[in-house]
């Protein structure tokens, strides 16, 4: 393993950058959770775009960290980072902080993903109901008004008059 001070400083700089980026990612995930709780799903598009930007930046930072690890003689990835943190105590605090933040980000992202999945299932179910209700001419296209009277959606104005079945002559 190389004890080059420049390579170690490069690793520390990379870890510092990743800690800041994961912190921003967590802030975005927390904002996304608030959006999901507030019932404003139209704001999810902007949140998703921010998450994609963060993910791209984190990917680049991870590549830089892996290069710094390899320059110090360690393998890339989590195992190499843990080994470097053991060998270089000056990097261990940042490495531990990065690991903690990454776990927090993963948990928040999974929770938000589950909430988004639930919203998608609810939307799909609502669409299915609306499609059944709007299925004109099938006899299944009726709803009830506030007074409980049946309304047929396939008659103009959603008339509360019962529909007559066509009668065949002869």
C-alpha atoms as a PDB file:
ATOM      1  CA  UNK A   1       0.000   0.000   0.000  1.00  0.00           C
ATOM      2  CA  UNK A   2       1.178   3.474  -0.793  1.00  0.00           C
ATOM      3  CA  UNK A   3       1.485   6.036   1.987  1.00  0.00           C
ATOM      4  CA  UNK A   4       1.439   8.955  -0.394  1.00  0.00           C
ATOM      5  CA  UNK A   5       0.060  11.975   1.437  1.00  0.00           C
ATOM      6  CA  UNK A   6      -1.418  13.309  -1.808  1.00  0.00           C
ATOM      7  CA  UNK A   7      -3.369  10.106  -2.444  1.00  0.00           C
ATOM      8  CA  UNK A   8      -4.673  10.060   1.118  1.00  0.00           C
ATOM      9  CA  UNK A   9      -5.687  13.711   0.872  1.00  0.00           C
ATOM     10  CA  UNK A  10      -7.426  12.947  -2.417  1.00  0.00           C
ATOM     11  CA  UNK A  11      -9.401  10.182  -0.665  1.00  0.00           C
ATOM     12  CA  UNK A  12     -10.330  12.514   2.190  1.00  0.00           C
ATOM     13  CA  UNK A  13     -11.460  15.159  -0.301  1.00  0.00           C
ATOM     14  CA  UNK A  14     -13.545  12.574  -2.165  1.00  0.00           C
ATOM     15  CA  UNK A  15     -15.163  11.393   1.063  1.00  0.00           C
ATOM     16  CA  UNK A  16     -15.929  14.964   2.074  1.00  0.00           C
ATOM     17  CA  UNK A  17     -17.558  15.583  -1.313  1.00  0.00           C
ATOM     18  CA  UNK A  18     -19.608  12.385  -1.074  1.00  0.00           C
ATOM     19  CA  UNK A  19     -20.787  13.227   2.451  1.00  0.00           C
ATOM     20  CA  UNK A  20     -22.010  16.616   1.231  1.00  0.00           C
ATOM     21  CA  UNK A  21     -23.705  15.095  -1.833  1.00  0.00           C
ATOM     22  CA  UNK A  22     -25.431  12.341   0.152  1.00  0.00           C
ATOM     23  CA  UNK A  23     -26.583  15.019   2.610  1.00  0.00           C
ATOM     24  CA  UNK A  24     -28.187  16.934  -0.266  1.00  0.00           C
ATOM     25  CA  UNK A  25     -29.724  13.726  -1.557  1.00  0.00           C
ATOM     26  CA  UNK A  26     -31.226  13.080   1.890  1.00  0.00           C
ATOM     27  CA  UNK A  27     -32.640  16.621   1.934  1.00  0.00           C
ATOM     28  CA  UNK A  28     -34.278  15.935  -1.428  1.00  0.00           C
ATOM     29  CA  UNK A  29     -35.670  12.628  -0.147  1.00  0.00           C
ATOM     30  CA  UNK A  30     -37.106  14.363   2.916  1.00  0.00           C
ATOM     31  CA  UNK A  31     -38.727  16.983   0.664  1.00  0.00           C
ATOM     32  CA  UNK A  32     -40.122  14.195  -1.472  1.00  0.00           C
ATOM     33  CA  UNK A  33     -41.600  12.543   1.634  1.00  0.00           C
ATOM     34  CA  UNK A  34     -43.296  15.843   2.534  1.00  0.00           C
ATOM     35  CA  UNK A  35     -44.692  16.093  -0.995  1.00  0.00           C
ATOM     36  CA  UNK A  36     -46.075  12.567  -0.693  1.00  0.00           C
ATOM     37  CA  UNK A  37     -47.634  13.324   2.696  1.00  0.00           C
ATOM     38  CA  UNK A  38     -49.132  16.611   1.512  1.00  0.00           C
ATOM     39  CA  UNK A  39     -51.026  15.063  -1.385  1.00  0.00           C
ATOM     40  CA  UNK A  40     -49.298  17.169  -4.054  1.00  0.00           C
ATOM     41  CA  UNK A  41     -48.046  14.397  -6.348  1.00  0.00           C
ATOM     42  CA  UNK A  42     -47.667  16.842  -9.250  1.00  0.00           C
ATOM     43  CA  UNK A  43     -44.519  18.099  -7.501  1.00  0.00           C
ATOM     44  CA  UNK A  44     -42.950  14.638  -7.692  1.00  0.00           C
ATOM     45  CA  UNK A  45     -41.638  15.270 -11.198  1.00  0.00           C
ATOM     46  CA  UNK A  46     -39.342  18.062  -9.999  1.00  0.00           C
ATOM     47  CA  UNK A  47     -38.262  15.935  -7.048  1.00  0.00           C
ATOM     48  CA  UNK A  48     -37.449  13.004  -9.343  1.00  0.00           C
ATOM     49  CA  UNK A  49     -35.366  15.267 -11.552  1.00  0.00           C
ATOM     50  CA  UNK A  50     -33.407  16.484  -8.510  1.00  0.00           C
ATOM     51  CA  UNK A  51     -32.856  12.903  -7.402  1.00  0.00           C
ATOM     52  CA  UNK A  52     -31.535  11.985 -10.848  1.00  0.00           C
ATOM     53  CA  UNK A  53     -29.109  14.920 -10.728  1.00  0.00           C
ATOM     54  CA  UNK A  54     -27.930  13.877  -7.267  1.00  0.00           C
ATOM     55  CA  UNK A  55     -27.528  10.278  -8.386  1.00  0.00           C
ATOM     56  CA  UNK A  56     -25.401  11.355 -11.333  1.00  0.00           C
ATOM     57  CA  UNK A  57     -23.204  13.542  -9.111  1.00  0.00           C
ATOM     58  CA  UNK A  58     -22.894  10.731  -6.577  1.00  0.00           C
ATOM     59  CA  UNK A  59     -21.913   8.296  -9.302  1.00  0.00           C
ATOM     60  CA  UNK A  60     -19.117  10.598 -10.397  1.00  0.00           C
ATOM     61  CA  UNK A  61     -17.986  11.130  -6.796  1.00  0.00           C
ATOM     62  CA  UNK A  62     -17.976   7.368  -6.206  1.00  0.00           C
ATOM     63  CA  UNK A  63     -15.769   6.849  -9.260  1.00  0.00           C
ATOM     64  CA  UNK A  64     -13.350   9.494  -7.969  1.00  0.00           C
ATOM     65  CA  UNK A  65     -13.289   7.816  -4.525  1.00  0.00           C
ATOM     66  CA  UNK A  66     -12.644   4.416  -6.089  1.00  0.00           C
ATOM     67  CA  UNK A  67      -9.722   5.871  -8.030  1.00  0.00           C
ATOM     68  CA  UNK A  68      -8.341   7.423  -4.834  1.00  0.00           C
ATOM     69  CA  UNK A  69      -8.690   4.083  -3.046  1.00  0.00           C
ATOM     70  CA  UNK A  70      -6.870   2.290  -5.845  1.00  0.00           C
ATOM     71  CA  UNK A  71      -4.114   4.927  -5.770  1.00  0.00           C
ATOM     72  CA  UNK A  72      -3.610   4.017  -2.101  1.00  0.00           C
ATOM     73  CA  UNK A  73      -3.520   0.298  -2.978  1.00  0.00           C
ATOM     74  CA  UNK A  74      -7.053  -0.604  -1.845  1.00  0.00           C
ATOM     75  CA  UNK A  75      -9.833  -2.171  -3.826  1.00  0.00           C
ATOM     76  CA  UNK A  76     -12.710  -0.063  -5.062  1.00  0.00           C
ATOM     77  CA  UNK A  77     -16.073  -0.112  -3.317  1.00  0.00           C
ATOM     78  CA  UNK A  78     -17.245  -0.503   0.243  1.00  0.00           C
ATOM     79  CA  UNK A  79     -14.718  -3.186   1.228  1.00  0.00           C
ATOM     80  CA  UNK A  80     -11.811  -1.052   0.024  1.00  0.00           C
ATOM     81  CA  UNK A  81     -13.189   1.980   1.830  1.00  0.00           C
ATOM     82  CA  UNK A  82     -13.467   0.028   5.092  1.00  0.00           C
ATOM     83  CA  UNK A  83      -9.909  -1.267   4.718  1.00  0.00           C
ATOM     84  CA  UNK A  84      -8.613   2.246   3.986  1.00  0.00           C
ATOM     85  CA  UNK A  85     -10.473   3.624   7.003  1.00  0.00           C
ATOM     86  CA  UNK A  86      -8.782   1.007   9.225  1.00  0.00           C
ATOM     87  CA  UNK A  87      -5.358   1.756   7.769  1.00  0.00           C
ATOM     88  CA  UNK A  88      -5.779   5.551   7.797  1.00  0.00           C
ATOM     89  CA  UNK A  89      -7.583   6.816  10.910  1.00  0.00           C
ATOM     90  CA  UNK A  90      -7.712  10.329   9.440  1.00  0.00           C
ATOM     91  CA  UNK A  91     -10.192   9.011   6.857  1.00  0.00           C
ATOM     92  CA  UNK A  92     -12.187   6.791   9.213  1.00  0.00           C
ATOM     93  CA  UNK A  93     -14.567   9.470  10.552  1.00  0.00           C
ATOM     94  CA  UNK A  94     -15.609  10.558   7.068  1.00  0.00           C
ATOM     95  CA  UNK A  95     -15.892   6.949   5.911  1.00  0.00           C
ATOM     96  CA  UNK A  96     -18.169   6.104   8.857  1.00  0.00           C
ATOM     97  CA  UNK A  97     -20.235   9.243   8.271  1.00  0.00           C
ATOM     98  CA  UNK A  98     -20.611   8.373   4.577  1.00  0.00           C
ATOM     99  CA  UNK A  99     -21.733   4.845   5.439  1.00  0.00           C
ATOM    100  CA  UNK A 100     -24.293   6.129   7.955  1.00  0.00           C
ATOM    101  CA  UNK A 101     -25.670   8.703   5.525  1.00  0.00           C
ATOM    102  CA  UNK A 102     -25.836   6.149   2.705  1.00  0.00           C
ATOM    103  CA  UNK A 103     -27.886   3.819   4.912  1.00  0.00           C
ATOM    104  CA  UNK A 104     -30.191   6.685   5.882  1.00  0.00           C
ATOM    105  CA  UNK A 105     -30.614   7.671   2.221  1.00  0.00           C
ATOM    106  CA  UNK A 106     -31.379   4.077   1.235  1.00  0.00           C
ATOM    107  CA  UNK A 107     -34.023   3.786   3.949  1.00  0.00           C
ATOM    108  CA  UNK A 108     -35.684   7.090   3.015  1.00  0.00           C
ATOM    109  CA  UNK A 109     -35.617   6.204  -0.676  1.00  0.00           C
ATOM    110  CA  UNK A 110     -37.198   2.785  -0.025  1.00  0.00           C
ATOM    111  CA  UNK A 111     -39.908   4.363   2.135  1.00  0.00           C
ATOM    112  CA  UNK A 112     -40.662   6.983  -0.514  1.00  0.00           C
ATOM    113  CA  UNK A 113     -40.654   4.313  -3.198  1.00  0.00           C
ATOM    114  CA  UNK A 114     -43.204   2.288  -1.247  1.00  0.00           C
ATOM    115  CA  UNK A 115     -45.401   5.397  -0.877  1.00  0.00           C
ATOM    116  CA  UNK A 116     -45.145   6.149  -4.580  1.00  0.00           C
ATOM    117  CA  UNK A 117     -46.015   2.524  -5.370  1.00  0.00           C
ATOM    118  CA  UNK A 118     -49.097   2.794  -3.165  1.00  0.00           C
ATOM    119  CA  UNK A 119     -50.155   6.013  -4.920  1.00  0.00           C
ATOM    120  CA  UNK A 120     -49.704   4.343  -8.297  1.00  0.00           C
ATOM    121  CA  UNK A 121     -51.844   1.360  -7.239  1.00  0.00           C
ATOM    122  CA  UNK A 122     -54.561   3.697  -5.923  1.00  0.00           C
ATOM    123  CA  UNK A 123     -54.493   5.738  -9.138  1.00  0.00           C
ATOM    124  CA  UNK A 124     -54.685   2.581 -11.237  1.00  0.00           C
ATOM    125  CA  UNK A 125     -57.660   1.351  -9.204  1.00  0.00           C
ATOM    126  CA  UNK A 126     -59.411   4.711  -9.529  1.00  0.00           C
ATOM    127  CA  UNK A 127     -58.832   4.702 -13.281  1.00  0.00           C
ATOM    128  CA  UNK A 128     -60.262   1.207 -13.534  1.00  0.00           C
ATOM    129  CA  UNK A 129     -63.371   2.320 -11.653  1.00  0.00           C
ATOM    130  CA  UNK A 130     -63.754   5.406 -13.840  1.00  0.00           C
ATOM    131  CA  UNK A 131     -63.290   3.342 -16.989  1.00  0.00           C
ATOM    132  CA  UNK A 132     -65.982   0.933 -15.846  1.00  0.00           C
ATOM    133  CA  UNK A 133     -68.301   3.827 -15.016  1.00  0.00           C
ATOM    134  CA  UNK A 134     -67.686   5.448 -18.374  1.00  0.00           C
ATOM    135  CA  UNK A 135     -68.210   2.215 -20.260  1.00  0.00           C
ATOM    136  CA  UNK A 136     -71.157   3.585 -22.225  1.00  0.00           C
ATOM    137  CA  UNK A 137     -73.924   1.241 -23.271  1.00  0.00           C
ATOM    138  CA  UNK A 138     -72.959  -1.748 -21.182  1.00  0.00           C
ATOM    139  CA  UNK A 139     -75.471  -1.237 -18.393  1.00  0.00           C
ATOM    140  CA  UNK A 140     -72.629  -0.969 -15.881  1.00  0.00           C
ATOM    141  CA  UNK A 141     -72.314   2.764 -16.373  1.00  0.00           C
ATOM    142  CA  UNK A 142     -74.315   4.143 -13.520  1.00  0.00           C
ATOM    143  CA  UNK A 143     -73.396   6.128 -10.455  1.00  0.00           C
ATOM    144  CA  UNK A 144     -75.375   7.469  -7.533  1.00  0.00           C
ATOM    145  CA  UNK A 145     -75.959  11.134  -6.744  1.00  0.00           C
ATOM    146  CA  UNK A 146     -75.929  12.723  -3.282  1.00  0.00           C
ATOM    147  CA  UNK A 147     -79.553  11.650  -2.654  1.00  0.00           C
ATOM    148  CA  UNK A 148     -78.802   8.043  -3.563  1.00  0.00           C
ATOM    149  CA  UNK A 149     -80.623   8.097  -6.900  1.00  0.00           C
ATOM    150  CA  UNK A 150     -79.107   6.138  -9.716  1.00  0.00           C
ATOM    151  CA  UNK A 151     -77.654   8.165 -12.589  1.00  0.00           C
ATOM    152  CA  UNK A 152     -76.874   6.614 -15.923  1.00  0.00           C
ATOM    153  CA  UNK A 153     -73.722   8.055 -17.429  1.00  0.00           C
ATOM    154  CA  UNK A 154     -74.556   6.960 -20.939  1.00  0.00           C
ATOM    155  CA  UNK A 155     -77.619   9.194 -21.215  1.00  0.00           C
ATOM    156  CA  UNK A 156     -77.286  12.900 -21.928  1.00  0.00           C
ATOM    157  CA  UNK A 157     -76.916  14.882 -18.720  1.00  0.00           C
ATOM    158  CA  UNK A 158     -76.627  11.732 -16.623  1.00  0.00           C
ATOM    159  CA  UNK A 159     -80.410  11.422 -16.354  1.00  0.00           C
ATOM    160  CA  UNK A 160     -81.919   9.825 -13.294  1.00  0.00           C
ATOM    161  CA  UNK A 161     -84.648   8.341 -15.496  1.00  0.00           C
ATOM    162  CA  UNK A 162     -84.427   4.612 -15.882  1.00  0.00           C
ATOM    163  CA  UNK A 163     -83.432   3.477 -19.326  1.00  0.00           C
ATOM    164  CA  UNK A 164     -85.907   1.570 -21.370  1.00  0.00           C
ATOM    165  CA  UNK A 165     -84.786  -1.554 -23.096  1.00  0.00           C
ATOM    166  CA  UNK A 166     -85.267  -1.532 -26.839  1.00  0.00           C
ATOM    167  CA  UNK A 167     -88.227  -3.580 -27.971  1.00  0.00           C
ATOM    168  CA  UNK A 168     -88.056  -5.631 -31.131  1.00  0.00           C
ATOM    169  CA  UNK A 169     -91.176  -5.646 -33.232  1.00  0.00           C
ATOM    170  CA  UNK A 170     -92.459  -8.785 -34.722  1.00  0.00           C
END
